[in-house]
PDB file of N, CA and C in Angstrom:
ATOM      1  N   MET A   1     -17.696 -40.217  56.026  1.00  0.00           N
ATOM      2  CA  MET A   1     -18.434 -41.115  57.489  1.00  0.00           C
ATOM      3  C   MET A   1     -18.199 -42.430  57.727  1.00  0.00           C
ATOM      4  N   THR A   2     -17.390 -42.829  58.390  1.00  0.00           N
ATOM      5  CA  THR A   2     -17.306 -44.228  57.844  1.00  0.00           C
ATOM      6  C   THR A   2     -18.512 -45.416  58.675  1.00  0.00           C
ATOM      7  N   ARG A   3     -18.736 -46.217  57.932  1.00  0.00           N
ATOM      8  CA  ARG A   3     -19.780 -47.391  58.708  1.00  0.00           C
ATOM      9  C   ARG A   3     -18.645 -48.350  59.913  1.00  0.00           C
ATOM     10  N   THR A   4     -19.792 -48.116  60.699  1.00  0.00           N
ATOM     11  CA  THR A   4     -19.638 -49.007  62.074  1.00  0.00           C
ATOM     12  C   THR A   4     -19.817 -50.151  61.977  1.00  0.00           C
ATOM     13  N   ALA A   5     -18.067 -50.848  62.240  1.00  0.00           N
ATOM     14  CA  ALA A   5     -18.706 -52.757  62.202  1.00  0.00           C
ATOM     15  C   ALA A   5     -18.932 -52.775  63.709  1.00  0.00           C
ATOM     16  N   LEU A   6     -20.555 -54.008  63.601  1.00  0.00           N
ATOM     17  CA  LEU A   6     -21.371 -54.825  64.774  1.00  0.00           C
ATOM     18  C   LEU A   6     -20.310 -56.336  64.632  1.00  0.00           C
ATOM     19  N   PRO A   7     -20.356 -56.048  65.766  1.00  0.00           N
ATOM     20  CA  PRO A   7     -19.210 -57.336  66.730  1.00  0.00           C
ATOM     21  C   PRO A   7     -20.385 -58.877  66.594  1.00  0.00           C
ATOM     22  N   ASP A   8     -19.834 -59.683  65.971  1.00  0.00           N
ATOM     23  CA  ASP A   8     -20.057 -60.895  65.557  1.00  0.00           C
ATOM     24  C   ASP A   8     -21.513 -61.090  65.963  1.00  0.00           C
ATOM     25  N   ARG A   9     -21.507 -61.527  68.003  1.00  0.00           N
ATOM     26  CA  ARG A   9     -22.629 -61.031  68.588  1.00  0.00           C
ATOM     27  C   ARG A   9     -23.451 -59.985  69.210  1.00  0.00           C
ATOM     28  N   ARG A  10     -25.189 -59.568  69.398  1.00  0.00           N
ATOM     29  CA  ARG A  10     -25.094 -58.543  69.326  1.00  0.00           C
ATOM     30  C   ARG A  10     -26.885 -58.503  69.988  1.00  0.00           C
ATOM     31  N   PRO A  11     -26.654 -58.126  70.593  1.00  0.00           N
ATOM     32  CA  PRO A  11     -28.267 -58.490  71.550  1.00  0.00           C
ATOM     33  C   PRO A  11     -29.158 -57.364  70.191  1.00  0.00           C
ATOM     34  N   SER A  12     -30.736 -57.946  70.271  1.00  0.00           N
ATOM     35  CA  SER A  12     -32.089 -57.852  69.527  1.00  0.00           C
ATOM     36  C   SER A  12     -31.792 -57.952  70.106  1.00  0.00           C
ATOM     37  N   LEU A  13     -33.722 -56.948  69.696  1.00  0.00           N
ATOM     38  CA  LEU A  13     -34.995 -57.306  70.598  1.00  0.00           C
ATOM     39  C   LEU A  13     -36.254 -57.182  69.220  1.00  0.00           C
ATOM     40  N   THR A  14     -37.308 -58.521  69.387  1.00  0.00           N
ATOM     41  CA  THR A  14     -38.181 -57.882  68.570  1.00  0.00           C
ATOM     42  C   THR A  14     -39.822 -58.195  68.537  1.00  0.00           C
ATOM     43  N   LEU A  15     -40.192 -57.227  68.050  1.00  0.00           N
ATOM     44  CA  LEU A  15     -41.492 -56.452  68.040  1.00  0.00           C
ATOM     45  C   LEU A  15     -41.992 -56.773  66.673  1.00  0.00           C
ATOM     46  N   GLU A  16     -43.501 -56.445  67.218  1.00  0.00           N
ATOM     47  CA  GLU A  16     -44.463 -56.812  66.017  1.00  0.00           C
ATOM     48  C   GLU A  16     -44.885 -54.786  66.337  1.00  0.00           C
ATOM     49  N   ALA A  17     -45.119 -54.981  65.012  1.00  0.00           N
ATOM     50  CA  ALA A  17     -46.136 -53.533  64.288  1.00  0.00           C
ATOM     51  C   ALA A  17     -47.029 -53.509  63.417  1.00  0.00           C
ATOM     52  N   GLU A  18     -47.713 -52.594  63.200  1.00  0.00           N
ATOM     53  CA  GLU A  18     -48.767 -53.124  61.659  1.00  0.00           C
ATOM     54  C   GLU A  18     -48.583 -51.766  61.007  1.00  0.00           C
ATOM     55  N   PHE A  19     -48.807 -51.889  59.982  1.00  0.00           N
ATOM     56  CA  PHE A  19     -49.684 -51.449  58.723  1.00  0.00           C
ATOM     57  C   PHE A  19     -50.951 -51.516  58.286  1.00  0.00           C
ATOM     58  N   LYS A  20     -51.567 -50.745  58.722  1.00  0.00           N
ATOM     59  CA  LYS A  20     -52.916 -50.770  57.770  1.00  0.00           C
ATOM     60  C   LYS A  20     -53.641 -52.173  58.416  1.00  0.00           C
ATOM     61  N   GLY A  21     -53.226 -51.987  59.244  1.00  0.00           N
ATOM     62  CA  GLY A  21     -53.779 -53.695  59.706  1.00  0.00           C
ATOM     63  C   GLY A  21     -53.552 -54.952  59.458  1.00  0.00           C
ATOM     64  N   HIS A  22     -51.575 -55.097  58.738  1.00  0.00           N
ATOM     65  CA  HIS A  22     -51.046 -55.903  58.223  1.00  0.00           C
ATOM     66  C   HIS A  22     -49.701 -55.843  60.478  1.00  0.00           C
ATOM     67  N   PRO A  23     -49.861 -57.061  60.028  1.00  0.00           N
ATOM     68  CA  PRO A  23     -49.059 -56.655  60.773  1.00  0.00           C
ATOM     69  C   PRO A  23     -47.237 -57.002  60.659  1.00  0.00           C
ATOM     70  N   ILE A  24     -45.961 -56.412  61.580  1.00  0.00           N
ATOM     71  CA  ILE A  24     -44.864 -56.743  60.549  1.00  0.00           C
ATOM     72  C   ILE A  24     -44.112 -57.015  61.810  1.00  0.00           C
ATOM     73  N   ALA A  25     -42.793 -57.788  61.825  1.00  0.00           N
ATOM     74  CA  ALA A  25     -42.479 -58.269  62.727  1.00  0.00           C
ATOM     75  C   ALA A  25     -41.072 -57.988  63.018  1.00  0.00           C
ATOM     76  N   ILE A  26     -40.829 -56.868  63.866  1.00  0.00           N
ATOM     77  CA  ILE A  26     -39.331 -56.019  63.402  1.00  0.00           C
ATOM     78  C   ILE A  26     -38.204 -55.911  64.904  1.00  0.00           C
ATOM     79  N   THR A  27     -37.302 -56.655  64.098  1.00  0.00           N
ATOM     80  CA  THR A  27     -36.245 -56.726  64.597  1.00  0.00           C
ATOM     81  C   THR A  27     -34.855 -56.044  64.445  1.00  0.00           C
ATOM     82  N   ILE A  28     -34.274 -55.226  65.367  1.00  0.00           N
ATOM     83  CA  ILE A  28     -33.472 -54.448  65.513  1.00  0.00           C
ATOM     84  C   ILE A  28     -32.774 -55.451  66.217  1.00  0.00           C
ATOM     85  N   GLY A  29     -31.270 -54.881  65.272  1.00  0.00           N
ATOM     86  CA  GLY A  29     -30.021 -55.555  65.967  1.00  0.00           C
ATOM     87  C   GLY A  29     -29.309 -54.085  66.815  1.00  0.00           C
ATOM     88  N   PHE A  30     -28.509 -54.047  68.009  1.00  0.00           N
ATOM     89  CA  PHE A  30     -27.368 -52.934  68.791  1.00  0.00           C
ATOM     90  C   PHE A  30     -26.361 -53.254  68.632  1.00  0.00           C
ATOM     91  N   ASP A  31     -25.476 -52.127  68.587  1.00  0.00           N
ATOM     92  CA  ASP A  31     -24.429 -52.997  68.420  1.00  0.00           C
ATOM     93  C   ASP A  31     -23.275 -52.572  70.673  1.00  0.00           C
ATOM     94  N   LEU A  32     -22.937 -52.293  71.204  1.00  0.00           N
ATOM     95  CA  LEU A  32     -22.586 -52.862  72.174  1.00  0.00           C
ATOM     96  C   LEU A  32     -22.583 -51.542  73.334  1.00  0.00           C
ATOM     97  N   THR A  33     -22.988 -50.115  72.604  1.00  0.00           N
ATOM     98  CA  THR A  33     -23.684 -49.065  73.691  1.00  0.00           C
ATOM     99  C   THR A  33     -25.386 -48.860  73.406  1.00  0.00           C
ATOM    100  N   GLY A  34     -25.224 -50.029  73.370  1.00  0.00           N
ATOM    101  CA  GLY A  34     -27.591 -50.281  72.817  1.00  0.00           C
ATOM    102  C   GLY A  34     -27.779 -49.085  72.079  1.00  0.00           C
ATOM    103  N   ALA A  35     -27.372 -48.339  70.655  1.00  0.00           N
ATOM    104  CA  ALA A  35     -27.411 -47.768  69.894  1.00  0.00           C
ATOM    105  C   ALA A  35     -28.394 -48.947  68.925  1.00  0.00           C
ATOM    106  N   PRO A  36     -29.204 -48.600  68.028  1.00  0.00           N
ATOM    107  CA  PRO A  36     -29.475 -49.248  67.241  1.00  0.00           C
ATOM    108  C   PRO A  36     -28.932 -49.017  65.555  1.00  0.00           C
ATOM    109  N   ARG A  37     -28.359 -50.529  65.386  1.00  0.00           N
ATOM    110  CA  ARG A  37     -27.792 -49.887  64.347  1.00  0.00           C
ATOM    111  C   ARG A  37     -27.685 -51.405  62.774  1.00  0.00           C
ATOM    112  N   GLU A  38     -28.900 -51.822  63.004  1.00  0.00           N
ATOM    113  CA  GLU A  38     -29.353 -53.278  62.368  1.00  0.00           C
ATOM    114  C   GLU A  38     -30.675 -53.482  62.124  1.00  0.00           C
ATOM    115  N   VAL A  39     -31.778 -53.210  60.811  1.00  0.00           N
ATOM    116  CA  VAL A  39     -32.908 -53.564  61.458  1.00  0.00           C
ATOM    117  C   VAL A  39     -33.991 -54.976  60.858  1.00  0.00           C
ATOM    118  N   PHE A  40     -34.349 -55.976  60.782  1.00  0.00           N
ATOM    119  CA  PHE A  40     -35.109 -56.504  60.017  1.00  0.00           C
ATOM    120  C   PHE A  40     -36.208 -56.577  60.348  1.00  0.00           C
ATOM    121  N   ALA A  41     -37.177 -56.897  58.612  1.00  0.00           N
ATOM    122  CA  ALA A  41     -38.617 -56.588  58.829  1.00  0.00           C
ATOM    123  C   ALA A  41     -39.218 -58.170  58.764  1.00  0.00           C
ATOM    124  N   ASP A  42     -40.657 -58.800  59.208  1.00  0.00           N
ATOM    125  CA  ASP A  42     -40.956 -59.632  58.682  1.00  0.00           C
ATOM    126  C   ASP A  42     -42.518 -59.468  58.729  1.00  0.00           C
ATOM    127  N   ASN A  43     -43.192 -59.600  57.012  1.00  0.00           N
ATOM    128  CA  ASN A  43     -44.783 -59.672  57.486  1.00  0.00           C
ATOM    129  C   ASN A  43     -45.374 -60.456  56.995  1.00  0.00           C
ATOM    130  N   HIS A  44     -44.278 -61.809  57.413  1.00  0.00           N
ATOM    131  CA  HIS A  44     -45.167 -63.155  57.585  1.00  0.00           C
ATOM    132  C   HIS A  44     -45.738 -63.458  56.302  1.00  0.00           C
ATOM    133  N   LYS A  45     -45.522 -63.354  54.960  1.00  0.00           N
ATOM    134  CA  LYS A  45     -45.468 -63.088  53.916  1.00  0.00           C
ATOM    135  C   LYS A  45     -44.545 -63.608  52.671  1.00  0.00           C
ATOM    136  N   SER A  46     -43.886 -65.150  53.061  1.00  0.00           N
ATOM    137  CA  SER A  46     -42.855 -65.943  52.881  1.00  0.00           C
ATOM    138  C   SER A  46     -43.272 -65.458  51.343  1.00  0.00           C
ATOM    139  N   GLY A  47     -41.771 -64.896  50.198  1.00  0.00           N
ATOM    140  CA  GLY A  47     -41.717 -64.926  48.727  1.00  0.00           C
ATOM    141  C   GLY A  47     -42.381 -63.822  47.974  1.00  0.00           C
ATOM    142  N   SER A  48     -42.985 -63.286  48.674  1.00  0.00           N
ATOM    143  CA  SER A  48     -44.267 -62.345  48.554  1.00  0.00           C
ATOM    144  C   SER A  48     -43.337 -61.084  47.921  1.00  0.00           C
ATOM    145  N   ASP A  49     -43.733 -59.853  46.981  1.00  0.00           N
ATOM    146  CA  ASP A  49     -43.229 -58.679  46.124  1.00  0.00           C
ATOM    147  C   ASP A  49     -42.542 -57.986  48.082  1.00  0.00           C
ATOM    148  N   MET A  50     -44.219 -57.981  48.918  1.00  0.00           N
ATOM    149  CA  MET A  50     -43.872 -56.875  49.884  1.00  0.00           C
ATOM    150  C   MET A  50     -42.544 -57.218  50.791  1.00  0.00           C
ATOM    151  N   GLN A  51     -42.228 -58.752  50.735  1.00  0.00           N
ATOM    152  CA  GLN A  51     -41.055 -59.038  51.844  1.00  0.00           C
ATOM    153  C   GLN A  51     -40.033 -58.880  51.089  1.00  0.00           C
ATOM    154  N   ALA A  52     -39.610 -58.536  50.022  1.00  0.00           N
ATOM    155  CA  ALA A  52     -38.678 -58.610  49.229  1.00  0.00           C
ATOM    156  C   ALA A  52     -38.476 -57.551  49.352  1.00  0.00           C
ATOM    157  N   SER A  53     -39.470 -56.365  49.512  1.00  0.00           N
ATOM    158  CA  SER A  53     -39.378 -54.786  49.558  1.00  0.00           C
ATOM    159  C   SER A  53     -39.194 -54.496  51.196  1.00  0.00           C
ATOM    160  N   LEU A  54     -39.054 -55.881  51.288  1.00  0.00           N
ATOM    161  CA  LEU A  54     -39.061 -54.168  53.465  1.00  0.00           C
ATOM    162  C   LEU A  54     -37.594 -55.138  53.078  1.00  0.00           C
ATOM    163  N   ALA A  55     -37.115 -56.611  53.025  1.00  0.00           N
ATOM    164  CA  ALA A  55     -35.934 -56.804  53.199  1.00  0.00           C
ATOM    165  C   ALA A  55     -34.972 -56.045  52.680  1.00  0.00           C
ATOM    166  N   ASP A  56     -35.129 -55.649  51.265  1.00  0.00           N
ATOM    167  CA  ASP A  56     -34.215 -54.604  50.873  1.00  0.00           C
ATOM    168  C   ASP A  56     -33.929 -53.257  51.685  1.00  0.00           C
ATOM    169  N   ALA A  57     -35.571 -52.809  51.896  1.00  0.00           N
ATOM    170  CA  ALA A  57     -35.144 -51.500  52.411  1.00  0.00           C
ATOM    171  C   ALA A  57     -34.688 -51.714  53.630  1.00  0.00           C
ATOM    172  N   CYS A  58     -35.052 -52.834  54.630  1.00  0.00           N
ATOM    173  CA  CYS A  58     -34.037 -53.194  55.830  1.00  0.00           C
ATOM    174  C   CYS A  58     -32.328 -52.932  55.111  1.00  0.00           C
ATOM    175  N   VAL A  59     -31.888 -53.075  54.581  1.00  0.00           N
ATOM    176  CA  VAL A  59     -30.223 -53.462  54.270  1.00  0.00           C
ATOM    177  C   VAL A  59     -29.946 -51.377  54.098  1.00  0.00           C
ATOM    178  N   ILE A  60     -30.769 -50.868  53.356  1.00  0.00           N
ATOM    179  CA  ILE A  60     -30.468 -49.497  53.255  1.00  0.00           C
ATOM    180  C   ILE A  60     -30.848 -48.821  54.657  1.00  0.00           C
ATOM    181  N   ILE A  61     -31.697 -48.984  55.323  1.00  0.00           N
ATOM    182  CA  ILE A  61     -31.433 -48.225  56.655  1.00  0.00           C
ATOM    183  C   ILE A  61     -30.753 -48.554  57.200  1.00  0.00           C
ATOM    184  N   SER A  62     -30.314 -50.022  57.649  1.00  0.00           N
ATOM    185  CA  SER A  62     -29.135 -50.450  58.634  1.00  0.00           C
ATOM    186  C   SER A  62     -28.171 -50.100  57.876  1.00  0.00           C
ATOM    187  N   ILE A  63     -27.632 -49.960  57.234  1.00  0.00           N
ATOM    188  CA  ILE A  63     -26.397 -49.024  56.360  1.00  0.00           C
ATOM    189  C   ILE A  63     -26.453 -47.171  56.146  1.00  0.00           C
ATOM    190  N   ALA A  64     -27.223 -46.902  56.860  1.00  0.00           N
ATOM    191  CA  ALA A  64     -27.163 -45.618  56.801  1.00  0.00           C
ATOM    192  C   ALA A  64     -27.204 -45.707  58.491  1.00  0.00           C
ATOM    193  N   LEU A  65     -27.690 -45.881  59.740  1.00  0.00           N
ATOM    194  CA  LEU A  65     -27.461 -46.524  61.085  1.00  0.00           C
ATOM    195  C   LEU A  65     -26.200 -46.447  60.696  1.00  0.00           C
ATOM    196  N   GLN A  66     -25.936 -47.085  60.308  1.00  0.00           N
ATOM    197  CA  GLN A  66     -24.220 -47.848  60.769  1.00  0.00           C
ATOM    198  C   GLN A  66     -23.156 -46.332  60.223  1.00  0.00           C
ATOM    199  N   HIS A  67     -23.651 -45.756  59.309  1.00  0.00           N
ATOM    200  CA  HIS A  67     -22.915 -44.698  58.829  1.00  0.00           C
ATOM    201  C   HIS A  67     -23.097 -43.354  59.830  1.00  0.00           C
ATOM    202  N   GLY A  68     -23.602 -43.821  60.748  1.00  0.00           N
ATOM    203  CA  GLY A  68     -24.712 -42.265  62.001  1.00  0.00           C
ATOM    204  C   GLY A  68     -25.768 -41.693  62.015  1.00  0.00           C
ATOM    205  N   ILE A  69     -26.227 -42.073  60.719  1.00  0.00           N
ATOM    206  CA  ILE A  69     -27.622 -41.125  60.438  1.00  0.00           C
ATOM    207  C   ILE A  69     -28.394 -41.975  61.779  1.00  0.00           C
ATOM    208  N   PRO A  70     -29.220 -40.954  62.514  1.00  0.00           N
ATOM    209  CA  PRO A  70     -30.407 -41.252  62.735  1.00  0.00           C
ATOM    210  C   PRO A  70     -31.500 -42.101  63.063  1.00  0.00           C
ATOM    211  N   ALA A  71     -31.852 -42.597  63.336  1.00  0.00           N
ATOM    212  CA  ALA A  71     -33.483 -43.038  62.713  1.00  0.00           C
ATOM    213  C   ALA A  71     -34.186 -41.999  62.650  1.00  0.00           C
ATOM    214  N   GLU A  72     -34.024 -40.684  63.830  1.00  0.00           N
ATOM    215  CA  GLU A  72     -35.049 -39.742  63.662  1.00  0.00           C
ATOM    216  C   GLU A  72     -34.867 -39.022  62.618  1.00  0.00           C
ATOM    217  N   ALA A  73     -33.707 -38.560  62.205  1.00  0.00           N
ATOM    218  CA  ALA A  73     -33.276 -37.976  59.917  1.00  0.00           C
ATOM    219  C   ALA A  73     -33.898 -38.796  59.658  1.00  0.00           C
ATOM    220  N   LEU A  74     -33.599 -40.249  59.757  1.00  0.00           N
ATOM    221  CA  LEU A  74     -34.791 -40.798  59.023  1.00  0.00           C
ATOM    222  C   LEU A  74     -36.161 -40.258  58.901  1.00  0.00           C
ATOM    223  N   GLY A  75     -36.525 -40.392  60.098  1.00  0.00           N
ATOM    224  CA  GLY A  75     -37.820 -40.256  60.093  1.00  0.00           C
ATOM    225  C   GLY A  75     -38.541 -39.301  58.937  1.00  0.00           C
ATOM    226  N   ARG A  76     -37.788 -38.077  59.455  1.00  0.00           N
ATOM    227  CA  ARG A  76     -38.348 -36.619  58.847  1.00  0.00           C
ATOM    228  C   ARG A  76     -38.324 -36.817  57.647  1.00  0.00           C
ATOM    229  N   SER A  77     -37.933 -37.401  57.285  1.00  0.00           N
ATOM    230  CA  SER A  77     -37.318 -37.471  55.607  1.00  0.00           C
ATOM    231  C   SER A  77     -38.308 -38.592  55.292  1.00  0.00           C
ATOM    232  N   LEU A  78     -39.284 -39.481  55.214  1.00  0.00           N
ATOM    233  CA  LEU A  78     -40.461 -40.208  54.820  1.00  0.00           C
ATOM    234  C   LEU A  78     -41.541 -39.619  54.507  1.00  0.00           C
ATOM    235  N   GLY A  79     -42.966 -40.099  54.041  1.00  0.00           N
ATOM    236  CA  GLY A  79     -43.867 -39.341  53.593  1.00  0.00           C
ATOM    237  C   GLY A  79     -44.653 -40.132  55.164  1.00  0.00           C
ATOM    238  N   ARG A  80     -45.522 -38.753  55.741  1.00  0.00           N
ATOM    239  CA  ARG A  80     -46.527 -39.001  56.484  1.00  0.00           C
ATOM    240  C   ARG A  80     -47.442 -38.895  55.612  1.00  0.00           C
ATOM    241  N   VAL A  81     -48.537 -39.124  57.128  1.00  0.00           N
ATOM    242  CA  VAL A  81     -50.443 -39.309  56.019  1.00  0.00           C
ATOM    243  C   VAL A  81     -50.992 -38.431  57.890  1.00  0.00           C
ATOM    244  N   PRO A  82     -52.340 -38.001  57.025  1.00  0.00           N
ATOM    245  CA  PRO A  82     -53.209 -37.663  58.693  1.00  0.00           C
ATOM    246  C   PRO A  82     -53.745 -39.285  59.372  1.00  0.00           C
ATOM    247  N   VAL A  83     -53.989 -38.284  60.446  1.00  0.00           N
ATOM    248  CA  VAL A  83     -53.691 -39.695  61.353  1.00  0.00           C
ATOM    249  C   VAL A  83     -55.891 -39.159  62.256  1.00  0.00           C
ATOM    250  N   PHE A  84     -56.604 -39.768  61.394  1.00  0.00           N
ATOM    251  CA  PHE A  84     -57.768 -39.432  62.064  1.00  0.00           C
ATOM    252  C   PHE A  84     -58.364 -40.075  63.988  1.00  0.00           C
ATOM    253  N   LEU A  85     -57.029 -39.533  64.831  1.00  0.00           N
ATOM    254  CA  LEU A  85     -57.748 -40.088  66.112  1.00  0.00           C
ATOM    255  C   LEU A  85     -58.543 -39.261  67.095  1.00  0.00           C
ATOM    256  N   GLY A  86     -58.871 -37.639  66.293  1.00  0.00           N
ATOM    257  CA  GLY A  86     -59.562 -36.596  67.256  1.00  0.00           C
ATOM    258  C   GLY A  86     -58.223 -35.874  67.267  1.00  0.00           C
ATOM    259  N   GLU A  87     -57.255 -36.151  67.183  1.00  0.00           N
ATOM    260  CA  GLU A  87     -55.959 -35.451  67.125  1.00  0.00           C
ATOM    261  C   GLU A  87     -56.199 -33.968  66.134  1.00  0.00           C
ATOM    262  N   ASP A  88     -56.494 -32.843  66.126  1.00  0.00           N
ATOM    263  CA  ASP A  88     -55.627 -31.859  65.193  1.00  0.00           C
ATOM    264  C   ASP A  88     -54.754 -32.692  64.544  1.00  0.00           C
ATOM    265  N   GLY A  89     -54.102 -32.343  63.146  1.00  0.00           N
ATOM    266  CA  GLY A  89     -53.031 -32.036  62.561  1.00  0.00           C
ATOM    267  C   GLY A  89     -52.046 -33.326  63.432  1.00  0.00           C
ATOM    268  N   ALA A  90     -52.618 -34.639  63.665  1.00  0.00           N
ATOM    269  CA  ALA A  90     -51.730 -35.967  64.197  1.00  0.00           C
ATOM    270  C   ALA A  90     -51.617 -36.984  62.700  1.00  0.00           C
ATOM    271  N   THR A  91     -50.017 -36.485  62.562  1.00  0.00           N
ATOM    272  CA  THR A  91     -49.999 -38.006  61.457  1.00  0.00           C
ATOM    273  C   THR A  91     -48.998 -39.257  62.114  1.00  0.00           C
ATOM    274  N   GLY A  92     -49.288 -40.010  60.781  1.00  0.00           N
ATOM    275  CA  GLY A  92     -48.182 -40.861  60.740  1.00  0.00           C
ATOM    276  C   GLY A  92     -47.913 -41.935  59.882  1.00  0.00           C
ATOM    277  N   PRO A  93     -47.230 -42.442  59.609  1.00  0.00           N
ATOM    278  CA  PRO A  93     -46.094 -42.931  58.516  1.00  0.00           C
ATOM    279  C   PRO A  93     -47.134 -43.084  57.516  1.00  0.00           C
ATOM    280  N   ALA A  94     -46.872 -43.246  55.802  1.00  0.00           N
ATOM    281  CA  ALA A  94     -47.240 -43.283  54.743  1.00  0.00           C
ATOM    282  C   ALA A  94     -47.071 -44.659  54.279  1.00  0.00           C
ATOM    283  N   SER A  95     -46.124 -45.486  54.882  1.00  0.00           N
ATOM    284  CA  SER A  95     -45.494 -46.935  54.373  1.00  0.00           C
ATOM    285  C   SER A  95     -45.584 -47.436  55.252  1.00  0.00           C
ATOM    286  N   PRO A  96     -45.016 -49.317  55.199  1.00  0.00           N
ATOM    287  CA  PRO A  96     -44.412 -49.931  56.470  1.00  0.00           C
ATOM    288  C   PRO A  96     -43.219 -49.306  56.644  1.00  0.00           C
ATOM    289  N   LEU A  97     -42.427 -48.451  55.217  1.00  0.00           N
ATOM    290  CA  LEU A  97     -41.063 -48.552  55.674  1.00  0.00           C
ATOM    291  C   LEU A  97     -40.990 -47.020  56.405  1.00  0.00           C
ATOM    292  N   GLY A  98     -42.383 -46.434  57.321  1.00  0.00           N
ATOM    293  CA  GLY A  98     -41.984 -45.277  57.649  1.00  0.00           C
ATOM    294  C   GLY A  98     -42.926 -45.896  59.133  1.00  0.00           C
ATOM    295  N   VAL A  99     -42.946 -46.834  59.114  1.00  0.00           N
ATOM    296  CA  VAL A  99     -43.747 -47.795  60.511  1.00  0.00           C
ATOM    297  C   VAL A  99     -42.588 -48.617  61.026  1.00  0.00           C
ATOM    298  N   ILE A 100     -41.204 -48.887  60.554  1.00  0.00           N
ATOM    299  CA  ILE A 100     -40.253 -49.357  60.766  1.00  0.00           C
ATOM    300  C   ILE A 100     -38.766 -48.902  61.614  1.00  0.00           C
ATOM    301  N   VAL A 101     -38.968 -46.962  60.759  1.00  0.00           N
ATOM    302  CA  VAL A 101     -37.820 -46.521  61.021  1.00  0.00           C
ATOM    303  C   VAL A 101     -38.750 -45.706  62.374  1.00  0.00           C
ATOM    304  N   ALA A 102     -40.439 -45.815  62.249  1.00  0.00           N
ATOM    305  CA  ALA A 102     -40.805 -44.921  63.137  1.00  0.00           C
ATOM    306  C   ALA A 102     -40.861 -45.780  64.713  1.00  0.00           C
ATOM    307  N   ALA A 103     -40.027 -47.536  64.513  1.00  0.00           N
ATOM    308  CA  ALA A 103     -39.710 -48.435  65.995  1.00  0.00           C
ATOM    309  C   ALA A 103     -38.259 -48.207  66.021  1.00  0.00           C
ATOM    310  N   LEU A 104     -37.384 -47.885  66.017  1.00  0.00           N
ATOM    311  CA  LEU A 104     -36.273 -47.634  65.170  1.00  0.00           C
ATOM    312  C   LEU A 104     -36.370 -46.593  66.873  1.00  0.00           C
ATOM    313  N   GLY A 105     -36.675 -45.398  66.408  1.00  0.00           N
ATOM    314  CA  GLY A 105     -36.890 -43.827  66.880  1.00  0.00           C
ATOM    315  C   GLY A 105     -36.918 -43.751  68.592  1.00  0.00           C
ATOM    316  N   GLU A 106     -37.963 -45.701  68.460  1.00  0.00           N
ATOM    317  CA  GLU A 106     -37.817 -45.272  70.043  1.00  0.00           C
ATOM    318  C   GLU A 106     -36.901 -46.137  71.280  1.00  0.00           C
ATOM    319  N   PHE A 107     -35.937 -46.813  70.425  1.00  0.00           N
ATOM    320  CA  PHE A 107     -34.825 -47.206  70.984  1.00  0.00           C
ATOM    321  C   PHE A 107     -33.748 -45.916  70.580  1.00  0.00           C
ATOM    322  N   ALA A 108     -34.065 -44.492  69.942  1.00  0.00           N
ATOM    323  CA  ALA A 108     -32.608 -43.875  69.588  1.00  0.00           C
ATOM    324  C   ALA A 108     -32.175 -42.936  71.006  1.00  0.00           C
TER     325      ALA A 108
END
């Protein structure tokens, strides 16, 4: 599969999410068709190990998206944990990475 080249200027959207009460700012970059093709995340802890891990994970997610792997496929491959909100069998992302991919899925 060939990697999709992104234009120098492209639309993006920043949204706030959280993992276990910790905020994560997620910026999604779109190609000219409106498909998500890159992602950046900021946990507001500059220089932390988690910030470095999120940055590296976002590079891998972005490369996967640019090679045509849908966010939904990535999400199905990541861990899930039970969510206890009164719904039987409800699950949610097991990691900050899952939160980022879930945010991408809203725009697929």
